[in-house]
C-alpha atoms as a PDB file:
ATOM      1  CA  UNK A   1      -0.032  -0.008   0.130  1.00  0.00           C
ATOM      2  CA  UNK A   2       0.989   3.586  -0.704  1.00  0.00           C
ATOM      3  CA  UNK A   3       1.704   5.786   2.431  1.00  0.00           C
ATOM      4  CA  UNK A   4      -0.632   8.404   3.277  1.00  0.00           C
ATOM      5  CA  UNK A   5       0.737  11.648   4.352  1.00  0.00           C
ATOM      6  CA  UNK A   6       0.280  12.721   7.819  1.00  0.00           C
ATOM      7  CA  UNK A   7      -1.968  15.723   7.458  1.00  0.00           C
ATOM      8  CA  UNK A   8      -4.476  13.195   5.673  1.00  0.00           C
ATOM      9  CA  UNK A   9      -4.651  11.028   8.599  1.00  0.00           C
ATOM     10  CA  UNK A  10      -4.825  13.910  10.906  1.00  0.00           C
ATOM     11  CA  UNK A  11      -7.801  15.080   8.747  1.00  0.00           C
ATOM     12  CA  UNK A  12      -9.366  11.351   9.627  1.00  0.00           C
ATOM     13  CA  UNK A  13      -7.921  11.134  13.223  1.00  0.00           C
ATOM     14  CA  UNK A  14     -11.125   9.244  14.432  1.00  0.00           C
ATOM     15  CA  UNK A  15     -10.914   6.769  11.355  1.00  0.00           C
ATOM     16  CA  UNK A  16      -7.176   5.991  11.741  1.00  0.00           C
ATOM     17  CA  UNK A  17      -7.414   5.575  15.543  1.00  0.00           C
ATOM     18  CA  UNK A  18     -10.430   3.352  15.717  1.00  0.00           C
ATOM     19  CA  UNK A  19     -10.404   1.502  12.642  1.00  0.00           C
ATOM     20  CA  UNK A  20     -13.176  -1.853  12.866  1.00  0.00           C
ATOM     21  CA  UNK A  21     -13.659  -1.063  16.590  1.00  0.00           C
ATOM     22  CA  UNK A  22     -17.543  -1.545  15.981  1.00  0.00           C
ATOM     23  CA  UNK A  23     -20.166   0.811  17.169  1.00  0.00           C
ATOM     24  CA  UNK A  24     -19.601   2.875  20.537  1.00  0.00           C
ATOM     25  CA  UNK A  25     -20.975   5.558  22.536  1.00  0.00           C
ATOM     26  CA  UNK A  26     -22.375   5.624  26.107  1.00  0.00           C
ATOM     27  CA  UNK A  27     -25.354   3.467  26.756  1.00  0.00           C
ATOM     28  CA  UNK A  28     -26.853   6.160  29.403  1.00  0.00           C
ATOM     29  CA  UNK A  29     -30.131   7.416  28.600  1.00  0.00           C
ATOM     30  CA  UNK A  30     -31.898  10.541  28.719  1.00  0.00           C
ATOM     31  CA  UNK A  31     -33.586  12.433  31.816  1.00  0.00           C
ATOM     32  CA  UNK A  32     -36.155  10.805  33.269  1.00  0.00           C
ATOM     33  CA  UNK A  33     -39.862  11.697  32.205  1.00  0.00           C
ATOM     34  CA  UNK A  34     -38.596  13.289  28.792  1.00  0.00           C
ATOM     35  CA  UNK A  35     -37.463  10.116  26.893  1.00  0.00           C
ATOM     36  CA  UNK A  36     -39.896   8.450  24.860  1.00  0.00           C
ATOM     37  CA  UNK A  37     -40.297   4.632  25.064  1.00  0.00           C
ATOM     38  CA  UNK A  38     -38.256   2.395  22.907  1.00  0.00           C
ATOM     39  CA  UNK A  39     -41.637   1.537  21.086  1.00  0.00           C
ATOM     40  CA  UNK A  40     -42.153   5.142  20.029  1.00  0.00           C
ATOM     41  CA  UNK A  41     -38.642   5.293  18.686  1.00  0.00           C
ATOM     42  CA  UNK A  42     -38.784   2.259  16.857  1.00  0.00           C
ATOM     43  CA  UNK A  43     -42.492   3.189  15.195  1.00  0.00           C
ATOM     44  CA  UNK A  44     -40.855   6.479  14.389  1.00  0.00           C
ATOM     45  CA  UNK A  45     -37.825   4.586  12.667  1.00  0.00           C
ATOM     46  CA  UNK A  46     -40.264   2.645  10.864  1.00  0.00           C
ATOM     47  CA  UNK A  47     -42.118   5.388   9.519  1.00  0.00           C
ATOM     48  CA  UNK A  48     -39.091   7.079   8.367  1.00  0.00           C
ATOM     49  CA  UNK A  49     -38.132   4.264   6.677  1.00  0.00           C
ATOM     50  CA  UNK A  50     -41.506   4.015   4.878  1.00  0.00           C
ATOM     51  CA  UNK A  51     -40.649   7.612   3.490  1.00  0.00           C
ATOM     52  CA  UNK A  52     -43.286   9.462   6.020  1.00  0.00           C
ATOM     53  CA  UNK A  53     -41.221  11.714   7.749  1.00  0.00           C
ATOM     54  CA  UNK A  54     -44.498  14.194   9.142  1.00  0.00           C
ATOM     55  CA  UNK A  55     -45.554  11.151  10.779  1.00  0.00           C
ATOM     56  CA  UNK A  56     -42.250  10.171  12.105  1.00  0.00           C
ATOM     57  CA  UNK A  57     -42.032  13.628  13.829  1.00  0.00           C
ATOM     58  CA  UNK A  58     -45.706  13.527  15.183  1.00  0.00           C
ATOM     59  CA  UNK A  59     -44.690  10.112  16.892  1.00  0.00           C
ATOM     60  CA  UNK A  60     -41.485  11.837  18.702  1.00  0.00           C
ATOM     61  CA  UNK A  61     -43.407  14.953  19.676  1.00  0.00           C
ATOM     62  CA  UNK A  62     -42.473  16.078  22.863  1.00  0.00           C
ATOM     63  CA  UNK A  63     -39.469  13.522  23.103  1.00  0.00           C
ATOM     64  CA  UNK A  64     -37.105  15.996  24.555  1.00  0.00           C
ATOM     65  CA  UNK A  65     -33.146  15.498  24.442  1.00  0.00           C
ATOM     66  CA  UNK A  66     -33.255  11.793  24.201  1.00  0.00           C
ATOM     67  CA  UNK A  67     -30.296  11.256  21.596  1.00  0.00           C
ATOM     68  CA  UNK A  68     -32.043   8.447  19.240  1.00  0.00           C
ATOM     69  CA  UNK A  69     -35.133  10.833  19.022  1.00  0.00           C
ATOM     70  CA  UNK A  70     -33.224  13.676  18.194  1.00  0.00           C
ATOM     71  CA  UNK A  71     -31.162  11.631  15.519  1.00  0.00           C
ATOM     72  CA  UNK A  72     -34.679  10.458  13.785  1.00  0.00           C
ATOM     73  CA  UNK A  73     -36.036  14.202  14.072  1.00  0.00           C
ATOM     74  CA  UNK A  74     -33.067  15.203  12.404  1.00  0.00           C
ATOM     75  CA  UNK A  75     -33.124  12.472   9.736  1.00  0.00           C
ATOM     76  CA  UNK A  76     -37.034  13.342   9.242  1.00  0.00           C
ATOM     77  CA  UNK A  77     -36.535  17.165   8.692  1.00  0.00           C
ATOM     78  CA  UNK A  78     -33.389  16.230   6.352  1.00  0.00           C
ATOM     79  CA  UNK A  79     -35.736  13.831   4.432  1.00  0.00           C
ATOM     80  CA  UNK A  80     -38.323  16.807   4.262  1.00  0.00           C
ATOM     81  CA  UNK A  81     -35.571  19.557   2.926  1.00  0.00           C
ATOM     82  CA  UNK A  82     -35.284  16.747  -0.268  1.00  0.00           C
ATOM     83  CA  UNK A  83     -38.797  18.093  -1.574  1.00  0.00           C
ATOM     84  CA  UNK A  84     -38.769  21.445  -0.267  1.00  0.00           C
ATOM     85  CA  UNK A  85     -38.382  24.323  -2.416  1.00  0.00           C
ATOM     86  CA  UNK A  86     -35.034  26.097  -2.672  1.00  0.00           C
ATOM     87  CA  UNK A  87     -34.624  29.444  -0.551  1.00  0.00           C
ATOM     88  CA  UNK A  88     -35.187  32.461  -2.098  1.00  0.00           C
ATOM     89  CA  UNK A  89     -32.981  35.554  -2.011  1.00  0.00           C
ATOM     90  CA  UNK A  90     -34.394  38.412   0.280  1.00  0.00           C
ATOM     91  CA  UNK A  91     -35.842  41.661  -1.391  1.00  0.00           C
ATOM     92  CA  UNK A  92     -32.994  43.986  -2.449  1.00  0.00           C
ATOM     93  CA  UNK A  93     -32.880  47.501  -0.857  1.00  0.00           C
ATOM     94  CA  UNK A  94     -34.326  50.136  -2.785  1.00  0.00           C
ATOM     95  CA  UNK A  95     -32.629  51.986  -4.562  1.00  0.00           C
ATOM     96  CA  UNK A  96     -29.948  49.324  -4.971  1.00  0.00           C
ATOM     97  CA  UNK A  97     -26.589  51.017  -4.548  1.00  0.00           C
ATOM     98  CA  UNK A  98     -24.610  51.630  -7.397  1.00  0.00           C
ATOM     99  CA  UNK A  99     -22.148  48.552  -8.243  1.00  0.00           C
ATOM    100  CA  UNK A 100     -23.561  46.631  -5.069  1.00  0.00           C
ATOM    101  CA  UNK A 101     -24.754  42.855  -5.902  1.00  0.00           C
ATOM    102  CA  UNK A 102     -28.382  42.044  -5.212  1.00  0.00           C
ATOM    103  CA  UNK A 103     -28.504  39.537  -2.197  1.00  0.00           C
ATOM    104  CA  UNK A 104     -27.813  36.183  -2.559  1.00  0.00           C
ATOM    105  CA  UNK A 105     -30.300  33.340  -1.722  1.00  0.00           C
ATOM    106  CA  UNK A 106     -29.409  31.370   1.852  1.00  0.00           C
ATOM    107  CA  UNK A 107     -27.472  28.686   1.745  1.00  0.00           C
ATOM    108  CA  UNK A 108     -29.597  26.204   3.831  1.00  0.00           C
ATOM    109  CA  UNK A 109     -33.243  25.720   3.760  1.00  0.00           C
ATOM    110  CA  UNK A 110     -35.128  26.067   6.660  1.00  0.00           C
ATOM    111  CA  UNK A 111     -35.712  22.483   6.613  1.00  0.00           C
ATOM    112  CA  UNK A 112     -31.982  21.563   6.558  1.00  0.00           C
ATOM    113  CA  UNK A 113     -31.131  23.985   9.517  1.00  0.00           C
ATOM    114  CA  UNK A 114     -33.468  22.130  11.539  1.00  0.00           C
ATOM    115  CA  UNK A 115     -32.101  18.935  10.583  1.00  0.00           C
ATOM    116  CA  UNK A 116     -28.450  20.369  11.244  1.00  0.00           C
ATOM    117  CA  UNK A 117     -29.725  21.672  14.658  1.00  0.00           C
ATOM    118  CA  UNK A 118     -31.334  18.390  15.787  1.00  0.00           C
ATOM    119  CA  UNK A 119     -28.474  16.243  14.671  1.00  0.00           C
ATOM    120  CA  UNK A 120     -25.926  18.550  16.437  1.00  0.00           C
ATOM    121  CA  UNK A 121     -27.919  18.305  19.468  1.00  0.00           C
ATOM    122  CA  UNK A 122     -27.703  14.251  18.932  1.00  0.00           C
ATOM    123  CA  UNK A 123     -24.387  14.258  18.925  1.00  0.00           C
ATOM    124  CA  UNK A 124     -23.601  16.628  21.777  1.00  0.00           C
ATOM    125  CA  UNK A 125     -26.000  14.477  23.996  1.00  0.00           C
ATOM    126  CA  UNK A 126     -24.506  10.951  22.701  1.00  0.00           C
ATOM    127  CA  UNK A 127     -20.792  11.514  21.174  1.00  0.00           C
ATOM    128  CA  UNK A 128     -20.797   8.208  19.945  1.00  0.00           C
ATOM    129  CA  UNK A 129     -24.027   8.143  17.810  1.00  0.00           C
ATOM    130  CA  UNK A 130     -22.531   7.053  14.572  1.00  0.00           C
ATOM    131  CA  UNK A 131     -25.685   7.312  12.473  1.00  0.00           C
ATOM    132  CA  UNK A 132     -26.371  10.821  13.694  1.00  0.00           C
ATOM    133  CA  UNK A 133     -22.581  11.901  12.547  1.00  0.00           C
ATOM    134  CA  UNK A 134     -23.278  10.351   9.245  1.00  0.00           C
ATOM    135  CA  UNK A 135     -26.635  11.861   8.763  1.00  0.00           C
ATOM    136  CA  UNK A 136     -24.776  15.108   9.937  1.00  0.00           C
ATOM    137  CA  UNK A 137     -22.451  14.925   7.331  1.00  0.00           C
ATOM    138  CA  UNK A 138     -24.885  14.315   4.218  1.00  0.00           C
ATOM    139  CA  UNK A 139     -26.602  17.234   5.011  1.00  0.00           C
ATOM    140  CA  UNK A 140     -23.425  19.195   4.876  1.00  0.00           C
ATOM    141  CA  UNK A 141     -21.720  17.775   1.987  1.00  0.00           C
ATOM    142  CA  UNK A 142     -23.610  18.987  -0.478  1.00  0.00           C
ATOM    143  CA  UNK A 143     -23.042  22.508   0.646  1.00  0.00           C
ATOM    144  CA  UNK A 144     -19.531  22.080   0.921  1.00  0.00           C
ATOM    145  CA  UNK A 145     -18.925  20.986  -2.432  1.00  0.00           C
ATOM    146  CA  UNK A 146     -21.051  23.567  -3.920  1.00  0.00           C
ATOM    147  CA  UNK A 147     -18.934  26.516  -1.601  1.00  0.00           C
ATOM    148  CA  UNK A 148     -15.698  24.794  -3.298  1.00  0.00           C
ATOM    149  CA  UNK A 149     -17.116  25.046  -6.750  1.00  0.00           C
ATOM    150  CA  UNK A 150     -18.052  28.817  -6.151  1.00  0.00           C
ATOM    151  CA  UNK A 151     -14.623  29.424  -4.971  1.00  0.00           C
ATOM    152  CA  UNK A 152     -12.769  27.766  -7.900  1.00  0.00           C
ATOM    153  CA  UNK A 153     -14.978  29.523 -10.289  1.00  0.00           C
ATOM    154  CA  UNK A 154     -14.371  32.993  -8.687  1.00  0.00           C
ATOM    155  CA  UNK A 155     -10.294  32.318  -8.479  1.00  0.00           C
ATOM    156  CA  UNK A 156     -10.613  31.381 -12.217  1.00  0.00           C
ATOM    157  CA  UNK A 157     -12.385  34.426 -13.042  1.00  0.00           C
ATOM    158  CA  UNK A 158      -9.686  36.696 -11.136  1.00  0.00           C
ATOM    159  CA  UNK A 159      -6.733  34.657 -12.986  1.00  0.00           C
ATOM    160  CA  UNK A 160      -8.508  35.746 -16.109  1.00  0.00           C
ATOM    161  CA  UNK A 161      -9.082  39.481 -15.212  1.00  0.00           C
ATOM    162  CA  UNK A 162      -6.697  41.428 -17.294  1.00  0.00           C
ATOM    163  CA  UNK A 163      -3.710  42.625 -15.529  1.00  0.00           C
ATOM    164  CA  UNK A 164      -4.154  46.305 -17.240  1.00  0.00           C
ATOM    165  CA  UNK A 165      -7.622  46.973 -16.908  1.00  0.00           C
ATOM    166  CA  UNK A 166      -9.769  49.924 -19.004  1.00  0.00           C
ATOM    167  CA  UNK A 167     -11.018  52.566 -16.917  1.00  0.00           C
ATOM    168  CA  UNK A 168     -14.623  50.718 -17.744  1.00  0.00           C
ATOM    169  CA  UNK A 169     -13.747  47.407 -16.968  1.00  0.00           C
ATOM    170  CA  UNK A 170     -15.510  45.737 -14.363  1.00  0.00           C
ATOM    171  CA  UNK A 171     -13.432  44.409 -11.175  1.00  0.00           C
ATOM    172  CA  UNK A 172     -13.024  40.776 -10.972  1.00  0.00           C
ATOM    173  CA  UNK A 173     -15.671  39.248  -8.551  1.00  0.00           C
ATOM    174  CA  UNK A 174     -14.642  38.743  -4.846  1.00  0.00           C
ATOM    175  CA  UNK A 175     -13.975  35.257  -3.606  1.00  0.00           C
ATOM    176  CA  UNK A 176     -17.241  33.919  -1.844  1.00  0.00           C
ATOM    177  CA  UNK A 177     -17.443  33.840   1.907  1.00  0.00           C
ATOM    178  CA  UNK A 178     -19.178  31.110   3.904  1.00  0.00           C
ATOM    179  CA  UNK A 179     -22.624  31.886   5.129  1.00  0.00           C
ATOM    180  CA  UNK A 180     -22.435  32.673   8.908  1.00  0.00           C
ATOM    181  CA  UNK A 181     -24.265  30.110  11.402  1.00  0.00           C
ATOM    182  CA  UNK A 182     -23.369  26.383  10.085  1.00  0.00           C
ATOM    183  CA  UNK A 183     -20.103  25.014   9.475  1.00  0.00           C
ATOM    184  CA  UNK A 184     -20.159  23.306   6.216  1.00  0.00           C
ATOM    185  CA  UNK A 185     -16.410  23.392   5.621  1.00  0.00           C
ATOM    186  CA  UNK A 186     -15.145  20.158   3.817  1.00  0.00           C
ATOM    187  CA  UNK A 187     -12.975  19.526   6.839  1.00  0.00           C
ATOM    188  CA  UNK A 188     -16.174  19.685   9.022  1.00  0.00           C
ATOM    189  CA  UNK A 189     -17.568  16.900   6.820  1.00  0.00           C
ATOM    190  CA  UNK A 190     -14.656  14.801   6.652  1.00  0.00           C
ATOM    191  CA  UNK A 191     -14.384  15.107  10.453  1.00  0.00           C
ATOM    192  CA  UNK A 192     -18.243  13.931  10.762  1.00  0.00           C
ATOM    193  CA  UNK A 193     -17.754  10.911   8.386  1.00  0.00           C
ATOM    194  CA  UNK A 194     -14.753  10.066  10.605  1.00  0.00           C
ATOM    195  CA  UNK A 195     -16.652  10.267  13.587  1.00  0.00           C
ATOM    196  CA  UNK A 196     -19.459   8.067  11.958  1.00  0.00           C
ATOM    197  CA  UNK A 197     -16.842   5.433  10.860  1.00  0.00           C
ATOM    198  CA  UNK A 198     -15.299   5.276  14.177  1.00  0.00           C
ATOM    199  CA  UNK A 199     -18.734   4.256  15.620  1.00  0.00           C
ATOM    200  CA  UNK A 200     -20.068   2.033  12.539  1.00  0.00           C
ATOM    201  CA  UNK A 201     -18.235  -1.394  11.437  1.00  0.00           C
ATOM    202  CA  UNK A 202     -20.232  -1.448   8.350  1.00  0.00           C
ATOM    203  CA  UNK A 203     -19.186  -0.227   5.006  1.00  0.00           C
ATOM    204  CA  UNK A 204     -21.650   2.571   4.443  1.00  0.00           C
ATOM    205  CA  UNK A 205     -19.993   5.578   6.143  1.00  0.00           C
ATOM    206  CA  UNK A 206     -16.599   4.597   4.328  1.00  0.00           C
ATOM    207  CA  UNK A 207     -18.231   4.625   0.995  1.00  0.00           C
ATOM    208  CA  UNK A 208     -19.893   7.896   1.687  1.00  0.00           C
ATOM    209  CA  UNK A 209     -16.647   9.360   2.913  1.00  0.00           C
ATOM    210  CA  UNK A 210     -14.565   8.189  -0.001  1.00  0.00           C
ATOM    211  CA  UNK A 211     -17.341   9.525  -2.486  1.00  0.00           C
ATOM    212  CA  UNK A 212     -17.272  12.892  -0.949  1.00  0.00           C
ATOM    213  CA  UNK A 213     -13.595  13.120  -0.493  1.00  0.00           C
ATOM    214  CA  UNK A 214     -13.299  12.354  -4.376  1.00  0.00           C
ATOM    215  CA  UNK A 215     -15.756  15.247  -5.175  1.00  0.00           C
ATOM    216  CA  UNK A 216     -14.014  17.774  -3.074  1.00  0.00           C
ATOM    217  CA  UNK A 217     -10.675  16.722  -4.377  1.00  0.00           C
ATOM    218  CA  UNK A 218      -9.461  15.683  -0.715  1.00  0.00           C
ATOM    219  CA  UNK A 219      -7.415  12.709  -2.469  1.00  0.00           C
ATOM    220  CA  UNK A 220      -5.262  11.873   0.672  1.00  0.00           C
ATOM    221  CA  UNK A 221      -8.366  11.601   2.736  1.00  0.00           C
ATOM    222  CA  UNK A 222     -10.159   9.260   0.088  1.00  0.00           C
ATOM    223  CA  UNK A 223      -7.197   6.938   0.007  1.00  0.00           C
ATOM    224  CA  UNK A 224      -7.244   6.743   3.872  1.00  0.00           C
ATOM    225  CA  UNK A 225     -11.166   5.815   3.199  1.00  0.00           C
ATOM    226  CA  UNK A 226     -10.073   3.146   0.491  1.00  0.00           C
ATOM    227  CA  UNK A 227      -7.313   1.612   2.922  1.00  0.00           C
ATOM    228  CA  UNK A 228      -9.849   1.381   5.939  1.00  0.00           C
ATOM    229  CA  UNK A 229     -12.234  -0.445   3.047  1.00  0.00           C
ATOM    230  CA  UNK A 230      -9.614  -2.857   2.424  1.00  0.00           C
ATOM    231  CA  UNK A 231      -9.169  -3.609   6.222  1.00  0.00           C
ATOM    232  CA  UNK A 232     -12.747  -3.871   6.844  1.00  0.00           C
ATOM    233  CA  UNK A 233     -13.735  -6.000   3.765  1.00  0.00           C
ATOM    234  CA  UNK A 234     -11.360  -8.921   4.289  1.00  0.00           C
ATOM    235  CA  UNK A 235     -10.591 -12.176   2.066  1.00  0.00           C
ATOM    236  CA  UNK A 236     -12.089  -9.966  -0.850  1.00  0.00           C
ATOM    237  CA  UNK A 237     -10.786  -8.509  -4.244  1.00  0.00           C
ATOM    238  CA  UNK A 238     -13.344  -6.202  -4.452  1.00  0.00           C
ATOM    239  CA  UNK A 239     -12.063  -3.389  -2.331  1.00  0.00           C
ATOM    240  CA  UNK A 240      -8.302  -3.970  -3.364  1.00  0.00           C
ATOM    241  CA  UNK A 241      -9.668  -3.494  -7.040  1.00  0.00           C
ATOM    242  CA  UNK A 242     -11.644  -0.475  -6.070  1.00  0.00           C
ATOM    243  CA  UNK A 243      -8.356   0.830  -4.230  1.00  0.00           C
ATOM    244  CA  UNK A 244      -6.420   0.095  -7.346  1.00  0.00           C
ATOM    245  CA  UNK A 245      -8.865   2.347  -9.675  1.00  0.00           C
ATOM    246  CA  UNK A 246      -8.512   5.141  -7.550  1.00  0.00           C
ATOM    247  CA  UNK A 247      -4.859   5.046  -7.390  1.00  0.00           C
ATOM    248  CA  UNK A 248      -4.876   4.766 -11.391  1.00  0.00           C
ATOM    249  CA  UNK A 249      -7.765   7.276 -12.161  1.00  0.00           C
ATOM    250  CA  UNK A 250      -7.512   9.794  -9.394  1.00  0.00           C
ATOM    251  CA  UNK A 251      -4.114   9.783  -8.166  1.00  0.00           C
ATOM    252  CA  UNK A 252      -2.338   8.812 -11.447  1.00  0.00           C
ATOM    253  CA  UNK A 253      -0.089   6.416  -9.721  1.00  0.00           C
ATOM    254  CA  UNK A 254       0.123   3.424 -11.897  1.00  0.00           C
ATOM    255  CA  UNK A 255       2.755   1.805  -9.932  1.00  0.00           C
ATOM    256  CA  UNK A 256       0.552   1.847  -6.853  1.00  0.00           C
ATOM    257  CA  UNK A 257      -2.313   0.700  -8.767  1.00  0.00           C
ATOM    258  CA  UNK A 258      -0.821  -2.476  -9.969  1.00  0.00           C
ATOM    259  CA  UNK A 259       0.275  -3.420  -6.734  1.00  0.00           C
ATOM    260  CA  UNK A 260      -3.509  -3.289  -5.370  1.00  0.00           C
ATOM    261  CA  UNK A 261      -4.633  -4.879  -8.783  1.00  0.00           C
ATOM    262  CA  UNK A 262      -2.356  -7.797  -8.581  1.00  0.00           C
ATOM    263  CA  UNK A 263      -3.692  -8.098  -4.670  1.00  0.00           C
ATOM    264  CA  UNK A 264      -7.085  -8.430  -5.945  1.00  0.00           C
ATOM    265  CA  UNK A 265      -6.382 -11.211  -8.537  1.00  0.00           C
ATOM    266  CA  UNK A 266      -5.172 -13.376  -5.432  1.00  0.00           C
ATOM    267  CA  UNK A 267      -8.813 -13.801  -4.297  1.00  0.00           C
ATOM    268  CA  UNK A 268     -10.348 -13.455  -7.886  1.00  0.00           C
ATOM    269  CA  UNK A 269      -7.667 -15.014 -10.234  1.00  0.00           C
ATOM    270  CA  UNK A 270     -10.197 -15.055 -13.169  1.00  0.00           C
ATOM    271  CA  UNK A 271     -11.374 -11.695 -12.394  1.00  0.00           C
ATOM    272  CA  UNK A 272     -11.174 -10.602 -16.581  1.00  0.00           C
ATOM    273  CA  UNK A 273     -11.934  -6.722 -15.661  1.00  0.00           C
ATOM    274  CA  UNK A 274      -8.889  -6.393 -13.359  1.00  0.00           C
ATOM    275  CA  UNK A 275      -6.627  -8.784 -15.676  1.00  0.00           C
ATOM    276  CA  UNK A 276      -7.662  -6.217 -18.428  1.00  0.00           C
ATOM    277  CA  UNK A 277      -6.476  -3.187 -16.314  1.00  0.00           C
ATOM    278  CA  UNK A 278      -3.283  -4.762 -15.488  1.00  0.00           C
ATOM    279  CA  UNK A 279      -2.823  -5.532 -19.239  1.00  0.00           C
ATOM    280  CA  UNK A 280      -3.906  -1.948 -19.964  1.00  0.00           C
ATOM    281  CA  UNK A 281      -1.389  -0.241 -17.601  1.00  0.00           C
ATOM    282  CA  UNK A 282       1.829  -2.668 -18.768  1.00  0.00           C
ATOM    283  CA  UNK A 283       0.735  -2.127 -22.493  1.00  0.00           C
ATOM    284  CA  UNK A 284       0.671   1.603 -22.264  1.00  0.00           C
ATOM    285  CA  UNK A 285       3.814   1.747 -20.376  1.00  0.00           C
ATOM    286  CA  UNK A 286       5.546  -0.663 -23.041  1.00  0.00           C
ATOM    287  CA  UNK A 287       4.264   1.176 -26.117  1.00  0.00           C
ATOM    288  CA  UNK A 288       5.590   4.446 -24.437  1.00  0.00           C
ATOM    289  CA  UNK A 289       9.063   3.001 -23.672  1.00  0.00           C
ATOM    290  CA  UNK A 290       8.926   1.651 -27.496  1.00  0.00           C
ATOM    291  CA  UNK A 291       8.334   5.326 -28.740  1.00  0.00           C
ATOM    292  CA  UNK A 292      11.366   6.592 -26.838  1.00  0.00           C
ATOM    293  CA  UNK A 293      13.401   3.978 -28.394  1.00  0.00           C
ATOM    294  CA  UNK A 294      13.808   2.455 -24.954  1.00  0.00           C
ATOM    295  CA  UNK A 295      13.583  -1.097 -26.086  1.00  0.00           C
ATOM    296  CA  UNK A 296      14.649  -3.190 -23.163  1.00  0.00           C
ATOM    297  CA  UNK A 297      12.070  -1.499 -20.787  1.00  0.00           C
ATOM    298  CA  UNK A 298       9.713  -1.885 -23.440  1.00  0.00           C
ATOM    299  CA  UNK A 299      10.226  -5.615 -23.823  1.00  0.00           C
ATOM    300  CA  UNK A 300       9.806  -5.781 -19.853  1.00  0.00           C
ATOM    301  CA  UNK A 301       6.489  -4.274 -19.986  1.00  0.00           C
ATOM    302  CA  UNK A 302       5.257  -6.321 -22.939  1.00  0.00           C
ATOM    303  CA  UNK A 303       6.107  -9.347 -21.102  1.00  0.00           C
ATOM    304  CA  UNK A 304       4.374  -8.250 -17.630  1.00  0.00           C
ATOM    305  CA  UNK A 305       1.355  -7.538 -20.219  1.00  0.00           C
ATOM    306  CA  UNK A 306       1.472 -10.908 -21.763  1.00  0.00           C
ATOM    307  CA  UNK A 307       0.582 -12.172 -18.207  1.00  0.00           C
ATOM    308  CA  UNK A 308      -2.871 -10.634 -18.251  1.00  0.00           C
ATOM    309  CA  UNK A 309      -3.674 -10.735 -21.938  1.00  0.00           C
ATOM    310  CA  UNK A 310      -6.032 -13.698 -22.073  1.00  0.00           C
ATOM    311  CA  UNK A 311      -7.518 -13.110 -25.637  1.00  0.00           C
ATOM    312  CA  UNK A 312      -4.706 -12.670 -28.086  1.00  0.00           C
ATOM    313  CA  UNK A 313      -7.443 -11.740 -30.861  1.00  0.00           C
ATOM    314  CA  UNK A 314      -8.687  -8.803 -28.478  1.00  0.00           C
ATOM    315  CA  UNK A 315      -7.385  -5.171 -28.917  1.00  0.00           C
ATOM    316  CA  UNK A 316      -4.916  -5.519 -26.160  1.00  0.00           C
ATOM    317  CA  UNK A 317      -3.674  -9.005 -27.701  1.00  0.00           C
ATOM    318  CA  UNK A 318      -3.114  -7.484 -31.218  1.00  0.00           C
ATOM    319  CA  UNK A 319      -1.397  -4.536 -29.731  1.00  0.00           C
ATOM    320  CA  UNK A 320       0.682  -6.913 -27.758  1.00  0.00           C
ATOM    321  CA  UNK A 321       1.603  -8.852 -30.737  1.00  0.00           C
ATOM    322  CA  UNK A 322       2.244  -6.163 -33.043  1.00  0.00           C
ATOM    323  CA  UNK A 323       4.816  -4.674 -30.804  1.00  0.00           C
ATOM    324  CA  UNK A 324       6.412  -7.937 -29.759  1.00  0.00           C
ATOM    325  CA  UNK A 325       6.906  -8.804 -33.222  1.00  0.00           C
ATOM    326  CA  UNK A 326       8.728  -5.503 -34.026  1.00  0.00           C
ATOM    327  CA  UNK A 327      11.171  -6.265 -31.072  1.00  0.00           C
ATOM    328  CA  UNK A 328      11.502  -9.649 -32.401  1.00  0.00           C
ATOM    329  CA  UNK A 329      12.307  -8.025 -36.114  1.00  0.00           C
ATOM    330  CA  UNK A 330      14.860  -5.858 -34.541  1.00  0.00           C
ATOM    331  CA  UNK A 331      16.927  -8.553 -32.691  1.00  0.00           C
ATOM    332  CA  UNK A 332      17.178 -10.336 -36.101  1.00  0.00           C
ATOM    333  CA  UNK A 333      18.103  -7.118 -38.103  1.00  0.00           C
ATOM    334  CA  UNK A 334      20.749  -6.675 -35.329  1.00  0.00           C
ATOM    335  CA  UNK A 335      22.599  -9.909 -35.458  1.00  0.00           C
END
């Protein structure tokens, strides 16, 4: 496995310290007299799973500060937010000052704000409540991605702005600033996913964190996630092949990807998809060395590719045969 920079491990401290520890968190309940019964909680959970957040909220009305109830209420409001209309900008001042931009729409829907509030209360009451950390990360993740996209676009426009401006040329737009009130930074989202991973031994929070980290361009955090996936799903080639895809496509590290693909084939020797990926890497490197007239290195790569090309009539097989034939002809000519 490739090494992970220290800042990535620090960004997922909860993950690195407690991989595969299973669910955690104190078992103590809420204050007497305010907690719903376990039956009410389970009924609300069932209603939520059926897609009826309003009925779930009604079932938990007056639940107080019970962490499980707060978590389910947070999920219910997050579900309601999915179909709620987008927030609209406040009315601009009249008249609008010259050069001023009209007010932007609020970042969060009211339903999302309510969900975040309830989920934050849930994890404050029970810090080890992994599902609440996961739900919180999933509410915040789209906002973190959108903010990064806006920031990237603003930086690109600033870089394209001419160094010498004509007097009438507009100034480049300022960089966006996060809306106050809720921390929806990518760092916070990764931290919430890490806490969910710490308390949940399944693969679901790991998959979710990886997907977010790749979208957010946090490749070191994504790599930590793939390594955690490999630890959790043992005696299987799937996580190793997925890790190899990430290394090849996102990290552009073919040597590290080859290592993961080879390990995946130990568990699935007949996996044609992974074999084709290995063949493609070795063929690509061989063709590149051949074009640079580094024939000895090209020959080494083609011999490796031959181990994984099972169909000599395939496109890969024909490409391999073509270049190996050229090398044989060159050797015969040189004698």
